[in-house]
């Protein structure tokens, strides 16, 4: 089973957007999800085409998080879910995510 997500970075100011997308090259490889105490999952990103250049990353990335059967069962039993980004120029985590979002992600697994 998996979750699919669209990751979008929005900067209304064009100059700021250019600067930030240059600073955040590779960010799609630093996104993670974690189910309870299982190992963190990093997504498979941008399967359709390369969205990054040597100068900048894209403002939109398409992600697929592959979950083991054990993770899916734990989620269905109410396990917590955390998500985050550990890029050198941007670090943020939500540990755990709010219950209503956790429940929505659990429902996506059937």
C-alpha atoms as a PDB file:
ATOM      1  CA  UNK A   1       0.000   0.000   0.000  1.00  0.00           C
ATOM      2  CA  UNK A   2       1.065   3.573  -0.451  1.00  0.00           C
ATOM      3  CA  UNK A   3       0.188   7.190  -0.004  1.00  0.00           C
ATOM      4  CA  UNK A   4       0.543   9.620  -2.885  1.00  0.00           C
ATOM      5  CA  UNK A   5       1.000  13.309  -2.255  1.00  0.00           C
ATOM      6  CA  UNK A   6       1.684  16.518  -4.107  1.00  0.00           C
ATOM      7  CA  UNK A   7       4.302  18.645  -2.351  1.00  0.00           C
ATOM      8  CA  UNK A   8       4.095  22.313  -3.274  1.00  0.00           C
ATOM      9  CA  UNK A   9       6.183  25.266  -2.124  1.00  0.00           C
ATOM     10  CA  UNK A  10       4.523  28.604  -2.734  1.00  0.00           C
ATOM     11  CA  UNK A  11       6.346  31.930  -2.709  1.00  0.00           C
ATOM     12  CA  UNK A  12       4.190  34.794  -4.043  1.00  0.00           C
ATOM     13  CA  UNK A  13       7.232  37.037  -4.545  1.00  0.00           C
ATOM     14  CA  UNK A  14       9.140  35.949  -7.666  1.00  0.00           C
ATOM     15  CA  UNK A  15      12.574  37.009  -6.373  1.00  0.00           C
ATOM     16  CA  UNK A  16      12.055  35.158  -3.101  1.00  0.00           C
ATOM     17  CA  UNK A  17      10.790  32.095  -4.999  1.00  0.00           C
ATOM     18  CA  UNK A  18      13.940  31.993  -7.174  1.00  0.00           C
ATOM     19  CA  UNK A  19      16.169  32.361  -4.117  1.00  0.00           C
ATOM     20  CA  UNK A  20      14.381  29.709  -2.055  1.00  0.00           C
ATOM     21  CA  UNK A  21      14.118  27.142  -4.867  1.00  0.00           C
ATOM     22  CA  UNK A  22      17.885  27.476  -5.353  1.00  0.00           C
ATOM     23  CA  UNK A  23      18.469  26.951  -1.601  1.00  0.00           C
ATOM     24  CA  UNK A  24      16.143  23.931  -1.459  1.00  0.00           C
ATOM     25  CA  UNK A  25      17.611  21.743  -4.213  1.00  0.00           C
ATOM     26  CA  UNK A  26      16.977  18.113  -3.278  1.00  0.00           C
ATOM     27  CA  UNK A  27      14.246  18.849  -0.742  1.00  0.00           C
ATOM     28  CA  UNK A  28      12.089  16.034  -2.144  1.00  0.00           C
ATOM     29  CA  UNK A  29      14.756  13.572  -0.952  1.00  0.00           C
ATOM     30  CA  UNK A  30      14.536  14.937   2.602  1.00  0.00           C
ATOM     31  CA  UNK A  31      10.800  14.527   3.175  1.00  0.00           C
ATOM     32  CA  UNK A  32       9.798  11.677   5.470  1.00  0.00           C
ATOM     33  CA  UNK A  33       6.859   9.993   7.135  1.00  0.00           C
ATOM     34  CA  UNK A  34       6.955   7.701  10.154  1.00  0.00           C
ATOM     35  CA  UNK A  35       4.401   5.283  11.527  1.00  0.00           C
ATOM     36  CA  UNK A  36       4.750   4.867  15.320  1.00  0.00           C
ATOM     37  CA  UNK A  37       8.229   3.437  16.034  1.00  0.00           C
ATOM     38  CA  UNK A  38       8.826   2.019  12.546  1.00  0.00           C
ATOM     39  CA  UNK A  39      11.727   3.415  10.512  1.00  0.00           C
ATOM     40  CA  UNK A  40      11.130   6.642   8.641  1.00  0.00           C
ATOM     41  CA  UNK A  41       9.889   6.316   5.074  1.00  0.00           C
ATOM     42  CA  UNK A  42      11.299   8.580   2.379  1.00  0.00           C
ATOM     43  CA  UNK A  43       9.110   8.893  -0.703  1.00  0.00           C
ATOM     44  CA  UNK A  44       9.770   7.970  -4.274  1.00  0.00           C
ATOM     45  CA  UNK A  45       9.665  11.394  -5.919  1.00  0.00           C
ATOM     46  CA  UNK A  46       8.841  12.669  -9.374  1.00  0.00           C
ATOM     47  CA  UNK A  47       8.464   9.361 -11.181  1.00  0.00           C
ATOM     48  CA  UNK A  48       7.044  11.120 -14.237  1.00  0.00           C
ATOM     49  CA  UNK A  49      10.061  13.339 -14.981  1.00  0.00           C
ATOM     50  CA  UNK A  50      13.044  15.074 -13.438  1.00  0.00           C
ATOM     51  CA  UNK A  51      11.892  18.303 -11.783  1.00  0.00           C
ATOM     52  CA  UNK A  52      15.229  19.631 -10.592  1.00  0.00           C
ATOM     53  CA  UNK A  53      18.132  21.356 -12.325  1.00  0.00           C
ATOM     54  CA  UNK A  54      21.602  22.227 -11.080  1.00  0.00           C
ATOM     55  CA  UNK A  55      20.305  25.745 -10.375  1.00  0.00           C
ATOM     56  CA  UNK A  56      17.007  25.050  -8.589  1.00  0.00           C
ATOM     57  CA  UNK A  57      14.392  22.584  -7.483  1.00  0.00           C
ATOM     58  CA  UNK A  58      10.821  22.653  -8.717  1.00  0.00           C
ATOM     59  CA  UNK A  59       8.084  24.261  -6.652  1.00  0.00           C
ATOM     60  CA  UNK A  60       5.981  21.082  -7.145  1.00  0.00           C
ATOM     61  CA  UNK A  61       6.988  17.465  -6.502  1.00  0.00           C
ATOM     62  CA  UNK A  62       4.900  14.313  -6.754  1.00  0.00           C
ATOM     63  CA  UNK A  63       5.584  11.822  -3.954  1.00  0.00           C
ATOM     64  CA  UNK A  64       4.751   8.179  -3.281  1.00  0.00           C
ATOM     65  CA  UNK A  65       5.280   6.733   0.199  1.00  0.00           C
ATOM     66  CA  UNK A  66       5.474   2.915   0.177  1.00  0.00           C
ATOM     67  CA  UNK A  67       4.155   1.323   3.382  1.00  0.00           C
ATOM     68  CA  UNK A  68       4.882  -2.193   4.621  1.00  0.00           C
ATOM     69  CA  UNK A  69       1.992  -4.482   5.537  1.00  0.00           C
ATOM     70  CA  UNK A  70       3.019  -4.093   9.189  1.00  0.00           C
ATOM     71  CA  UNK A  71       2.824  -0.308   8.962  1.00  0.00           C
ATOM     72  CA  UNK A  72      -0.607  -0.458   7.346  1.00  0.00           C
ATOM     73  CA  UNK A  73      -1.887  -2.766  10.085  1.00  0.00           C
ATOM     74  CA  UNK A  74      -0.442  -0.501  12.787  1.00  0.00           C
ATOM     75  CA  UNK A  75      -2.141   2.521  11.208  1.00  0.00           C
ATOM     76  CA  UNK A  76      -5.458   0.680  11.084  1.00  0.00           C
ATOM     77  CA  UNK A  77      -4.992  -0.109  14.792  1.00  0.00           C
ATOM     78  CA  UNK A  78      -4.534   3.601  15.588  1.00  0.00           C
ATOM     79  CA  UNK A  79      -0.746   4.064  15.452  1.00  0.00           C
ATOM     80  CA  UNK A  80       0.533   7.625  15.344  1.00  0.00           C
ATOM     81  CA  UNK A  81       1.906   9.134  12.138  1.00  0.00           C
ATOM     82  CA  UNK A  82       4.587  11.804  11.953  1.00  0.00           C
ATOM     83  CA  UNK A  83       5.848  13.734   8.951  1.00  0.00           C
ATOM     84  CA  UNK A  84       8.734  16.064   8.376  1.00  0.00           C
ATOM     85  CA  UNK A  85      11.495  17.539   6.271  1.00  0.00           C
ATOM     86  CA  UNK A  86      15.160  17.368   7.251  1.00  0.00           C
ATOM     87  CA  UNK A  87      16.775  19.372   4.436  1.00  0.00           C
ATOM     88  CA  UNK A  88      19.931  21.289   5.482  1.00  0.00           C
ATOM     89  CA  UNK A  89      18.181  24.585   4.631  1.00  0.00           C
ATOM     90  CA  UNK A  90      14.716  23.686   5.903  1.00  0.00           C
ATOM     91  CA  UNK A  91      13.881  21.535   8.883  1.00  0.00           C
ATOM     92  CA  UNK A  92      10.371  20.964  10.189  1.00  0.00           C
ATOM     93  CA  UNK A  93       8.478  18.069  11.739  1.00  0.00           C
ATOM     94  CA  UNK A  94       4.957  17.419  12.950  1.00  0.00           C
ATOM     95  CA  UNK A  95       5.280  14.624  15.505  1.00  0.00           C
ATOM     96  CA  UNK A  96       2.588  13.360  15.551  1.00  0.00           C
ATOM     97  CA  UNK A  97       0.239  14.837  12.984  1.00  0.00           C
ATOM     98  CA  UNK A  98      -3.218  15.912  14.230  1.00  0.00           C
ATOM     99  CA  UNK A  99      -5.708  13.102  14.819  1.00  0.00           C
ATOM    100  CA  UNK A 100      -8.122  14.193  12.070  1.00  0.00           C
ATOM    101  CA  UNK A 101      -5.336  14.124   9.460  1.00  0.00           C
ATOM    102  CA  UNK A 102      -4.067  10.777  10.787  1.00  0.00           C
ATOM    103  CA  UNK A 103      -7.580   9.369  10.472  1.00  0.00           C
ATOM    104  CA  UNK A 104      -7.886  10.658   6.903  1.00  0.00           C
ATOM    105  CA  UNK A 105      -4.575   9.039   5.930  1.00  0.00           C
ATOM    106  CA  UNK A 106      -5.691   5.793   7.583  1.00  0.00           C
ATOM    107  CA  UNK A 107      -8.943   5.875   5.594  1.00  0.00           C
ATOM    108  CA  UNK A 108      -6.924   6.222   2.380  1.00  0.00           C
ATOM    109  CA  UNK A 109      -5.516   2.754   3.062  1.00  0.00           C
ATOM    110  CA  UNK A 110      -8.963   1.149   2.837  1.00  0.00           C
END
